[in-house]
Amino acid sequence: MKDKGNRLKSIRKYVSEQKISSQEELLQLLSEEGFILTQATLSRDLKQLKIAKMPDYEGGYIYVLPEESSPLGKTARMKTQEIHFAATGFLSIDFCGPFAVVKTKPAFAGGIAAEIDRRSSKNILGTIAGDDTILVIPREGTDRRKLLRTLSEVLPINH
């Protein structure tokens, strides 16, 4: 039986190099490599590694590494994928007073909101996301034009 450290390393490798959409698929890959484990053990490993399931570009879900563990880091490829993700899921933007309300495809709001938060400048205080809607809360004194300029760094909008 192989040890836990090697198993975790293999899980990271598979998730970073392949599109893994289910625990069963990952269990099969690990089994082929000689690891013997249950779905419950794999679930605990995924939690320990902070691996999450996110929507992919085809409407399904894939496992992804947390940004700090990704061997891609902040490369141009990763930035292109993030922009493509936002562009694929974005539907519209509207305003209510100082707030922006962003509509997305189902299951995209959380990922896009996280990207807005990650890139937010001094103009955005934070976001609140549901399944297909994001509330963008601007900082005091940020007008609509500044907010649109900031959001255009993530969303395919013209300001």
N, C-alpha and C. Protein backbone atom coordinates (compact mmCIF):
# COMPACT_ATOMS: atom_id res chain seq x y z
N MET A 1 0.85 -1.18 0.00
CA MET A 1 0.00 0.00 0.00
C MET A 1 0.90 1.24 0.00
N LYS A 2 0.58 2.19 -0.86
CA LYS A 2 1.37 3.42 -0.95
C LYS A 2 0.96 4.37 0.16
N ASP A 3 1.88 5.27 0.54
CA ASP A 3 1.58 6.15 1.67
C ASP A 3 0.75 7.37 1.27
N LYS A 4 0.24 8.04 2.29
CA LYS A 4 -0.68 9.16 2.08
C LYS A 4 -0.02 10.32 1.34
N GLY A 5 1.23 10.60 1.66
CA GLY A 5 1.94 11.70 0.99
C GLY A 5 2.00 11.51 -0.51
N ASN A 6 2.34 10.28 -0.94
CA ASN A 6 2.39 9.99 -2.37
C ASN A 6 1.00 10.07 -2.99
N ARG A 7 -0.01 9.61 -2.25
CA ARG A 7 -1.39 9.65 -2.75
C ARG A 7 -1.83 11.10 -2.97
N LEU A 8 -1.54 11.97 -1.99
CA LEU A 8 -1.92 13.38 -2.12
C LEU A 8 -1.20 14.03 -3.30
N LYS A 9 0.06 13.67 -3.49
CA LYS A 9 0.83 14.20 -4.61
C LYS A 9 0.21 13.76 -5.94
N SER A 10 -0.21 12.51 -6.01
CA SER A 10 -0.86 12.00 -7.23
C SER A 10 -2.19 12.69 -7.48
N ILE A 11 -2.96 12.91 -6.42
CA ILE A 11 -4.25 13.60 -6.57
C ILE A 11 -4.01 15.00 -7.14
N ARG A 12 -3.04 15.73 -6.57
CA ARG A 12 -2.72 17.08 -7.07
C ARG A 12 -2.34 17.03 -8.55
N LYS A 13 -1.52 16.04 -8.90
CA LYS A 13 -1.06 15.92 -10.28
C LYS A 13 -2.24 15.68 -11.22
N TYR A 14 -3.11 14.73 -10.88
CA TYR A 14 -4.26 14.44 -11.74
C TYR A 14 -5.18 15.64 -11.89
N VAL A 15 -5.47 16.31 -10.79
CA VAL A 15 -6.39 17.45 -10.84
C VAL A 15 -5.79 18.61 -11.64
N SER A 16 -4.48 18.81 -11.54
CA SER A 16 -3.86 19.92 -12.27
C SER A 16 -3.65 19.61 -13.75
N GLU A 17 -3.52 18.33 -14.11
CA GLU A 17 -3.20 17.99 -15.49
C GLU A 17 -4.37 17.46 -16.30
N GLN A 18 -5.46 17.04 -15.65
CA GLN A 18 -6.58 16.45 -16.36
C GLN A 18 -7.89 17.08 -15.92
N LYS A 19 -8.90 16.93 -16.77
CA LYS A 19 -10.25 17.37 -16.39
C LYS A 19 -10.90 16.22 -15.64
N ILE A 20 -10.93 16.30 -14.33
CA ILE A 20 -11.54 15.27 -13.49
C ILE A 20 -12.91 15.78 -13.07
N SER A 21 -13.96 15.02 -13.43
CA SER A 21 -15.31 15.51 -13.14
C SER A 21 -16.02 14.74 -12.04
N SER A 22 -15.43 13.64 -11.56
CA SER A 22 -16.09 12.88 -10.49
C SER A 22 -15.05 12.19 -9.61
N GLN A 23 -15.47 11.89 -8.38
CA GLN A 23 -14.58 11.15 -7.49
C GLN A 23 -14.34 9.74 -8.02
N GLU A 24 -15.35 9.16 -8.67
CA GLU A 24 -15.19 7.82 -9.24
C GLU A 24 -14.07 7.80 -10.27
N GLU A 25 -14.02 8.84 -11.10
CA GLU A 25 -12.98 8.95 -12.12
C GLU A 25 -11.60 9.05 -11.46
N LEU A 26 -11.50 9.85 -10.42
CA LEU A 26 -10.24 10.01 -9.70
C LEU A 26 -9.85 8.73 -8.97
N LEU A 27 -10.83 8.05 -8.38
CA LEU A 27 -10.56 6.76 -7.72
C LEU A 27 -9.99 5.75 -8.71
N GLN A 28 -10.54 5.73 -9.93
CA GLN A 28 -10.07 4.80 -10.96
C GLN A 28 -8.62 5.10 -11.32
N LEU A 29 -8.28 6.37 -11.52
CA LEU A 29 -6.91 6.74 -11.85
C LEU A 29 -5.95 6.35 -10.73
N LEU A 30 -6.34 6.61 -9.49
CA LEU A 30 -5.50 6.26 -8.34
C LEU A 30 -5.34 4.75 -8.21
N SER A 31 -6.42 4.02 -8.47
CA SER A 31 -6.38 2.56 -8.41
C SER A 31 -5.40 2.00 -9.44
N GLU A 32 -5.41 2.58 -10.64
CA GLU A 32 -4.49 2.14 -11.69
C GLU A 32 -3.04 2.40 -11.31
N GLU A 33 -2.82 3.37 -10.43
CA GLU A 33 -1.48 3.69 -9.96
C GLU A 33 -1.09 2.86 -8.73
N GLY A 34 -2.02 2.03 -8.24
CA GLY A 34 -1.72 1.15 -7.12
C GLY A 34 -2.22 1.62 -5.77
N PHE A 35 -2.95 2.70 -5.73
CA PHE A 35 -3.50 3.19 -4.46
C PHE A 35 -4.82 2.48 -4.18
N ILE A 36 -4.98 2.02 -2.95
CA ILE A 36 -6.22 1.38 -2.52
C ILE A 36 -6.86 2.29 -1.49
N LEU A 37 -8.02 2.85 -1.83
CA LEU A 37 -8.71 3.76 -0.91
C LEU A 37 -10.20 3.78 -1.20
N THR A 38 -10.95 4.22 -0.22
CA THR A 38 -12.40 4.31 -0.37
C THR A 38 -12.78 5.71 -0.83
N GLN A 39 -14.03 5.85 -1.24
CA GLN A 39 -14.54 7.16 -1.64
C GLN A 39 -14.48 8.12 -0.45
N ALA A 40 -14.75 7.64 0.75
CA ALA A 40 -14.72 8.49 1.94
C ALA A 40 -13.30 9.02 2.19
N THR A 41 -12.30 8.17 2.01
CA THR A 41 -10.90 8.61 2.17
C THR A 41 -10.55 9.65 1.12
N LEU A 42 -10.96 9.41 -0.12
CA LEU A 42 -10.69 10.36 -1.19
C LEU A 42 -11.36 11.70 -0.88
N SER A 43 -12.58 11.66 -0.39
CA SER A 43 -13.30 12.88 -0.04
C SER A 43 -12.54 13.67 1.02
N ARG A 44 -12.00 12.97 2.02
CA ARG A 44 -11.20 13.64 3.06
C ARG A 44 -9.91 14.23 2.47
N ASP A 45 -9.29 13.49 1.55
CA ASP A 45 -8.08 13.99 0.89
C ASP A 45 -8.37 15.26 0.09
N LEU A 46 -9.48 15.26 -0.64
CA LEU A 46 -9.85 16.44 -1.43
C LEU A 46 -10.08 17.64 -0.52
N LYS A 47 -10.72 17.39 0.61
CA LYS A 47 -10.96 18.47 1.57
C LYS A 47 -9.64 18.98 2.14
N GLN A 48 -8.74 18.08 2.50
CA GLN A 48 -7.44 18.48 3.04
C GLN A 48 -6.65 19.31 2.02
N LEU A 49 -6.72 18.93 0.75
CA LEU A 49 -6.00 19.64 -0.30
C LEU A 49 -6.73 20.91 -0.76
N LYS A 50 -7.93 21.14 -0.21
CA LYS A 50 -8.77 22.28 -0.56
C LYS A 50 -9.12 22.29 -2.04
N ILE A 51 -9.30 21.10 -2.58
CA ILE A 51 -9.71 20.96 -3.97
C ILE A 51 -11.22 21.14 -4.03
N ALA A 52 -11.67 21.95 -4.97
CA ALA A 52 -13.10 22.26 -5.09
C ALA A 52 -13.61 21.86 -6.46
N LYS A 53 -14.93 21.77 -6.57
CA LYS A 53 -15.58 21.50 -7.84
C LYS A 53 -16.12 22.82 -8.37
N MET A 54 -15.78 23.13 -9.63
CA MET A 54 -16.25 24.37 -10.25
C MET A 54 -16.87 24.07 -11.60
N PRO A 55 -17.77 24.93 -12.07
CA PRO A 55 -18.33 24.72 -13.41
C PRO A 55 -17.23 24.85 -14.45
N ASP A 56 -17.30 24.02 -15.48
CA ASP A 56 -16.36 24.16 -16.58
C ASP A 56 -17.06 24.89 -17.74
N TYR A 57 -16.36 25.00 -18.85
CA TYR A 57 -16.88 25.78 -19.97
C TYR A 57 -17.93 25.03 -20.78
N GLU A 58 -18.08 23.73 -20.55
CA GLU A 58 -19.07 22.95 -21.29
C GLU A 58 -20.35 22.73 -20.49
N GLY A 59 -20.48 23.36 -19.35
CA GLY A 59 -21.69 23.22 -18.54
C GLY A 59 -21.62 22.12 -17.50
N GLY A 60 -20.50 21.40 -17.43
CA GLY A 60 -20.32 20.37 -16.40
C GLY A 60 -19.54 20.94 -15.23
N TYR A 61 -18.95 20.05 -14.45
CA TYR A 61 -18.14 20.46 -13.31
C TYR A 61 -16.82 19.71 -13.33
N ILE A 62 -15.76 20.37 -12.87
CA ILE A 62 -14.45 19.73 -12.76
C ILE A 62 -13.83 20.10 -11.41
N TYR A 63 -12.92 19.24 -10.95
CA TYR A 63 -12.17 19.53 -9.73
C TYR A 63 -11.02 20.48 -10.07
N VAL A 64 -10.79 21.46 -9.19
CA VAL A 64 -9.71 22.42 -9.39
C VAL A 64 -8.92 22.58 -8.10
N LEU A 65 -7.64 22.84 -8.25
CA LEU A 65 -6.76 23.10 -7.11
C LEU A 65 -6.97 24.53 -6.63
N PRO A 66 -6.73 24.78 -5.36
CA PRO A 66 -6.75 26.18 -4.92
C PRO A 66 -5.61 26.91 -5.62
N GLU A 67 -5.77 28.18 -5.85
CA GLU A 67 -4.81 28.97 -6.63
C GLU A 67 -3.38 28.84 -6.11
N GLU A 68 -3.20 28.84 -4.79
CA GLU A 68 -1.85 28.80 -4.27
C GLU A 68 -1.14 27.46 -4.51
N SER A 69 -1.90 26.39 -4.76
CA SER A 69 -1.30 25.09 -5.00
C SER A 69 -1.09 24.82 -6.49
N SER A 70 -1.71 25.63 -7.33
CA SER A 70 -1.65 25.38 -8.76
C SER A 70 -0.24 25.58 -9.30
N PRO A 71 0.27 24.61 -10.06
CA PRO A 71 1.59 24.79 -10.65
C PRO A 71 1.57 25.89 -11.71
N LEU A 72 0.37 26.26 -12.18
CA LEU A 72 0.28 27.32 -13.18
C LEU A 72 0.44 28.69 -12.55
N GLY A 73 0.12 28.81 -11.26
CA GLY A 73 0.23 30.10 -10.59
C GLY A 73 -0.54 31.18 -11.30
N LYS A 74 0.10 32.31 -11.52
CA LYS A 74 -0.55 33.45 -12.17
C LYS A 74 -0.03 33.62 -13.60
N THR A 75 0.11 32.53 -14.33
CA THR A 75 0.61 32.61 -15.70
C THR A 75 -0.44 33.20 -16.61
N ALA A 76 -0.02 33.53 -17.81
CA ALA A 76 -0.95 34.08 -18.79
C ALA A 76 -2.05 33.08 -19.11
N ARG A 77 -1.71 31.79 -19.12
CA ARG A 77 -2.72 30.77 -19.40
C ARG A 77 -3.84 30.81 -18.37
N MET A 78 -3.49 30.95 -17.10
CA MET A 78 -4.49 30.99 -16.04
C MET A 78 -5.35 32.23 -16.18
N LYS A 79 -4.74 33.37 -16.47
CA LYS A 79 -5.49 34.61 -16.64
C LYS A 79 -6.46 34.47 -17.81
N THR A 80 -6.01 33.85 -18.90
CA THR A 80 -6.88 33.65 -20.05
C THR A 80 -8.06 32.77 -19.68
N GLN A 81 -7.84 31.72 -18.91
CA GLN A 81 -8.93 30.84 -18.48
C GLN A 81 -9.91 31.58 -17.59
N GLU A 82 -9.40 32.44 -16.69
CA GLU A 82 -10.28 33.20 -15.80
C GLU A 82 -11.15 34.16 -16.60
N ILE A 83 -10.53 34.86 -17.56
CA ILE A 83 -11.28 35.80 -18.38
C ILE A 83 -12.31 35.05 -19.21
N HIS A 84 -11.91 33.91 -19.78
CA HIS A 84 -12.84 33.11 -20.58
C HIS A 84 -14.00 32.62 -19.71
N PHE A 85 -13.71 32.21 -18.49
CA PHE A 85 -14.75 31.75 -17.57
C PHE A 85 -15.76 32.86 -17.33
N ALA A 86 -15.28 34.08 -17.05
CA ALA A 86 -16.19 35.21 -16.80
C ALA A 86 -16.96 35.55 -18.07
N ALA A 87 -16.29 35.53 -19.22
CA ALA A 87 -16.97 35.87 -20.47
C ALA A 87 -18.02 34.83 -20.83
N THR A 88 -17.75 33.57 -20.54
CA THR A 88 -18.69 32.49 -20.86
C THR A 88 -19.92 32.55 -19.98
N GLY A 89 -19.77 32.93 -18.72
CA GLY A 89 -20.89 32.91 -17.78
C GLY A 89 -21.63 34.22 -17.65
N PHE A 90 -21.05 35.32 -18.11
CA PHE A 90 -21.65 36.64 -17.96
C PHE A 90 -22.84 36.82 -18.90
N LEU A 91 -23.95 37.37 -18.36
CA LEU A 91 -25.13 37.66 -19.18
C LEU A 91 -25.41 39.16 -19.28
N SER A 92 -25.47 39.85 -18.13
CA SER A 92 -25.83 41.27 -18.17
C SER A 92 -25.41 41.97 -16.88
N ILE A 93 -25.46 43.29 -16.93
CA ILE A 93 -25.20 44.09 -15.74
C ILE A 93 -26.23 45.22 -15.70
N ASP A 94 -26.71 45.52 -14.51
CA ASP A 94 -27.66 46.61 -14.31
C ASP A 94 -27.31 47.28 -12.99
N PHE A 95 -27.88 48.44 -12.75
CA PHE A 95 -27.56 49.19 -11.55
C PHE A 95 -28.82 49.52 -10.76
N CYS A 96 -28.67 49.56 -9.45
CA CYS A 96 -29.71 50.01 -8.54
C CYS A 96 -29.01 50.90 -7.52
N GLY A 97 -29.18 52.21 -7.69
CA GLY A 97 -28.44 53.13 -6.85
C GLY A 97 -26.96 52.94 -7.09
N PRO A 98 -26.15 52.84 -6.05
CA PRO A 98 -24.72 52.68 -6.22
C PRO A 98 -24.29 51.23 -6.53
N PHE A 99 -25.23 50.29 -6.42
CA PHE A 99 -24.89 48.88 -6.55
C PHE A 99 -25.01 48.39 -7.99
N ALA A 100 -24.12 47.46 -8.36
CA ALA A 100 -24.22 46.78 -9.65
C ALA A 100 -24.80 45.40 -9.40
N VAL A 101 -25.69 44.97 -10.27
CA VAL A 101 -26.27 43.63 -10.21
C VAL A 101 -25.86 42.93 -11.50
N VAL A 102 -25.06 41.88 -11.36
CA VAL A 102 -24.55 41.13 -12.50
C VAL A 102 -25.33 39.83 -12.60
N LYS A 103 -25.87 39.55 -13.78
CA LYS A 103 -26.58 38.30 -14.05
C LYS A 103 -25.63 37.36 -14.79
N THR A 104 -25.63 36.09 -14.37
CA THR A 104 -24.76 35.08 -14.99
C THR A 104 -25.57 33.85 -15.35
N LYS A 105 -24.94 32.95 -16.06
CA LYS A 105 -25.55 31.64 -16.28
C LYS A 105 -25.60 30.92 -14.94
N PRO A 106 -26.53 29.97 -14.77
CA PRO A 106 -26.59 29.22 -13.50
C PRO A 106 -25.23 28.61 -13.15
N ALA A 107 -24.88 28.70 -11.87
CA ALA A 107 -23.66 28.12 -11.28
C ALA A 107 -22.39 28.90 -11.57
N PHE A 108 -22.47 30.01 -12.30
CA PHE A 108 -21.28 30.80 -12.61
C PHE A 108 -21.05 31.95 -11.64
N ALA A 109 -22.08 32.39 -10.93
CA ALA A 109 -21.97 33.60 -10.11
C ALA A 109 -20.86 33.52 -9.07
N GLY A 110 -20.75 32.40 -8.36
CA GLY A 110 -19.73 32.27 -7.31
C GLY A 110 -18.32 32.42 -7.84
N GLY A 111 -18.02 31.76 -8.95
CA GLY A 111 -16.68 31.85 -9.54
C GLY A 111 -16.36 33.24 -10.06
N ILE A 112 -17.34 33.86 -10.72
CA ILE A 112 -17.11 35.21 -11.24
C ILE A 112 -16.97 36.20 -10.09
N ALA A 113 -17.80 36.07 -9.06
CA ALA A 113 -17.70 36.97 -7.90
C ALA A 113 -16.33 36.83 -7.23
N ALA A 114 -15.85 35.60 -7.12
CA ALA A 114 -14.52 35.38 -6.53
C ALA A 114 -13.44 36.07 -7.36
N GLU A 115 -13.58 36.02 -8.68
CA GLU A 115 -12.61 36.68 -9.54
C GLU A 115 -12.69 38.21 -9.41
N ILE A 116 -13.91 38.74 -9.30
CA ILE A 116 -14.07 40.19 -9.07
C ILE A 116 -13.41 40.57 -7.75
N ASP A 117 -13.67 39.79 -6.70
CA ASP A 117 -13.06 40.07 -5.39
C ASP A 117 -11.54 39.98 -5.45
N ARG A 118 -11.03 38.98 -6.15
CA ARG A 118 -9.58 38.77 -6.24
C ARG A 118 -8.91 39.95 -6.94
N ARG A 119 -9.56 40.48 -7.96
CA ARG A 119 -8.98 41.57 -8.73
C ARG A 119 -9.47 42.94 -8.29
N SER A 120 -10.34 42.98 -7.31
CA SER A 120 -10.97 44.26 -6.97
C SER A 120 -9.94 45.29 -6.56
N SER A 121 -10.16 46.46 -7.05
CA SER A 121 -9.28 47.58 -6.73
C SER A 121 -9.86 48.33 -5.55
N LYS A 122 -9.42 49.53 -5.41
CA LYS A 122 -9.94 50.37 -4.33
C LYS A 122 -11.39 50.76 -4.56
N ASN A 123 -11.96 50.43 -5.72
CA ASN A 123 -13.33 50.83 -6.05
C ASN A 123 -14.41 49.86 -5.57
N ILE A 124 -14.05 48.62 -5.25
CA ILE A 124 -15.06 47.62 -4.88
C ILE A 124 -14.82 47.15 -3.45
N LEU A 125 -15.86 47.26 -2.63
CA LEU A 125 -15.79 46.80 -1.25
C LEU A 125 -15.92 45.28 -1.18
N GLY A 126 -16.83 44.71 -2.00
CA GLY A 126 -17.00 43.27 -2.01
C GLY A 126 -18.17 42.86 -2.88
N THR A 127 -18.41 41.55 -2.93
CA THR A 127 -19.51 40.99 -3.72
C THR A 127 -20.28 39.99 -2.88
N ILE A 128 -21.52 39.78 -3.27
CA ILE A 128 -22.35 38.73 -2.69
C ILE A 128 -22.93 37.96 -3.87
N ALA A 129 -22.74 36.64 -3.89
CA ALA A 129 -23.17 35.85 -5.03
C ALA A 129 -24.18 34.79 -4.65
N GLY A 130 -25.15 34.62 -5.51
CA GLY A 130 -26.08 33.49 -5.44
C GLY A 130 -25.68 32.50 -6.50
N ASP A 131 -26.63 31.82 -7.08
CA ASP A 131 -26.35 30.85 -8.14
C ASP A 131 -26.11 31.54 -9.48
N ASP A 132 -26.92 32.57 -9.77
CA ASP A 132 -26.83 33.24 -11.07
C ASP A 132 -26.88 34.77 -10.98
N THR A 133 -26.67 35.30 -9.79
CA THR A 133 -26.71 36.76 -9.59
C THR A 133 -25.61 37.19 -8.63
N ILE A 134 -24.98 38.31 -8.95
CA ILE A 134 -23.92 38.87 -8.10
C ILE A 134 -24.30 40.31 -7.76
N LEU A 135 -24.25 40.65 -6.49
CA LEU A 135 -24.40 42.03 -6.04
C LEU A 135 -23.00 42.57 -5.81
N VAL A 136 -22.64 43.62 -6.53
CA VAL A 136 -21.33 44.25 -6.40
C VAL A 136 -21.51 45.53 -5.58
N ILE A 137 -20.79 45.59 -4.47
CA ILE A 137 -20.91 46.72 -3.55
C ILE A 137 -19.69 47.62 -3.71
N PRO A 138 -19.92 48.84 -4.23
CA PRO A 138 -18.78 49.74 -4.43
C PRO A 138 -18.37 50.42 -3.12
N ARG A 139 -17.14 50.89 -3.09
CA ARG A 139 -16.68 51.66 -1.93
C ARG A 139 -17.32 53.05 -1.97
N GLU A 140 -17.39 53.67 -0.82
CA GLU A 140 -17.92 55.03 -0.70
C GLU A 140 -17.20 55.95 -1.69
N GLY A 141 -17.96 56.73 -2.44
CA GLY A 141 -17.38 57.70 -3.37
C GLY A 141 -17.08 57.15 -4.75
N THR A 142 -17.33 55.86 -4.99
CA THR A 142 -17.10 55.28 -6.31
C THR A 142 -18.34 55.49 -7.17
N ASP A 143 -18.16 56.21 -8.28
CA ASP A 143 -19.31 56.44 -9.15
C ASP A 143 -19.46 55.27 -10.13
N ARG A 144 -20.56 55.29 -10.86
CA ARG A 144 -20.89 54.21 -11.79
C ARG A 144 -19.80 54.02 -12.85
N ARG A 145 -19.25 55.13 -13.36
CA ARG A 145 -18.22 55.05 -14.39
C ARG A 145 -16.98 54.31 -13.88
N LYS A 146 -16.54 54.65 -12.66
CA LYS A 146 -15.37 53.98 -12.07
C LYS A 146 -15.67 52.50 -11.82
N LEU A 147 -16.88 52.22 -11.35
CA LEU A 147 -17.26 50.83 -11.08
C LEU A 147 -17.27 50.02 -12.37
N LEU A 148 -17.83 50.58 -13.44
CA LEU A 148 -17.84 49.89 -14.73
C LEU A 148 -16.42 49.65 -15.24
N ARG A 149 -15.55 50.64 -15.09
CA ARG A 149 -14.17 50.48 -15.53
C ARG A 149 -13.50 49.33 -14.78
N THR A 150 -13.72 49.28 -13.48
CA THR A 150 -13.14 48.21 -12.67
C THR A 150 -13.71 46.85 -13.07
N LEU A 151 -15.02 46.76 -13.24
CA LEU A 151 -15.65 45.48 -13.61
C LEU A 151 -15.24 45.03 -15.01
N SER A 152 -14.91 45.98 -15.89
CA SER A 152 -14.53 45.61 -17.26
C SER A 152 -13.19 44.88 -17.29
N GLU A 153 -12.44 44.89 -16.19
CA GLU A 153 -11.20 44.11 -16.12
C GLU A 153 -11.50 42.62 -16.01
N VAL A 154 -12.71 42.28 -15.56
CA VAL A 154 -13.10 40.88 -15.38
C VAL A 154 -14.21 40.49 -16.35
N LEU A 155 -15.16 41.37 -16.55
CA LEU A 155 -16.34 41.06 -17.36
C LEU A 155 -16.23 41.65 -18.76
N PRO A 156 -16.83 41.00 -19.74
CA PRO A 156 -16.79 41.52 -21.12
C PRO A 156 -17.80 42.65 -21.32
N ILE A 157 -17.54 43.80 -20.69
CA ILE A 157 -18.43 44.95 -20.83
C ILE A 157 -17.64 46.14 -21.35
N ASN A 158 -18.31 46.99 -22.08
CA ASN A 158 -17.69 48.23 -22.54
C ASN A 158 -18.13 49.34 -21.60
N HIS A 159 -17.20 50.13 -21.18
CA HIS A 159 -17.54 51.21 -20.25
C HIS A 159 -17.47 52.53 -20.91
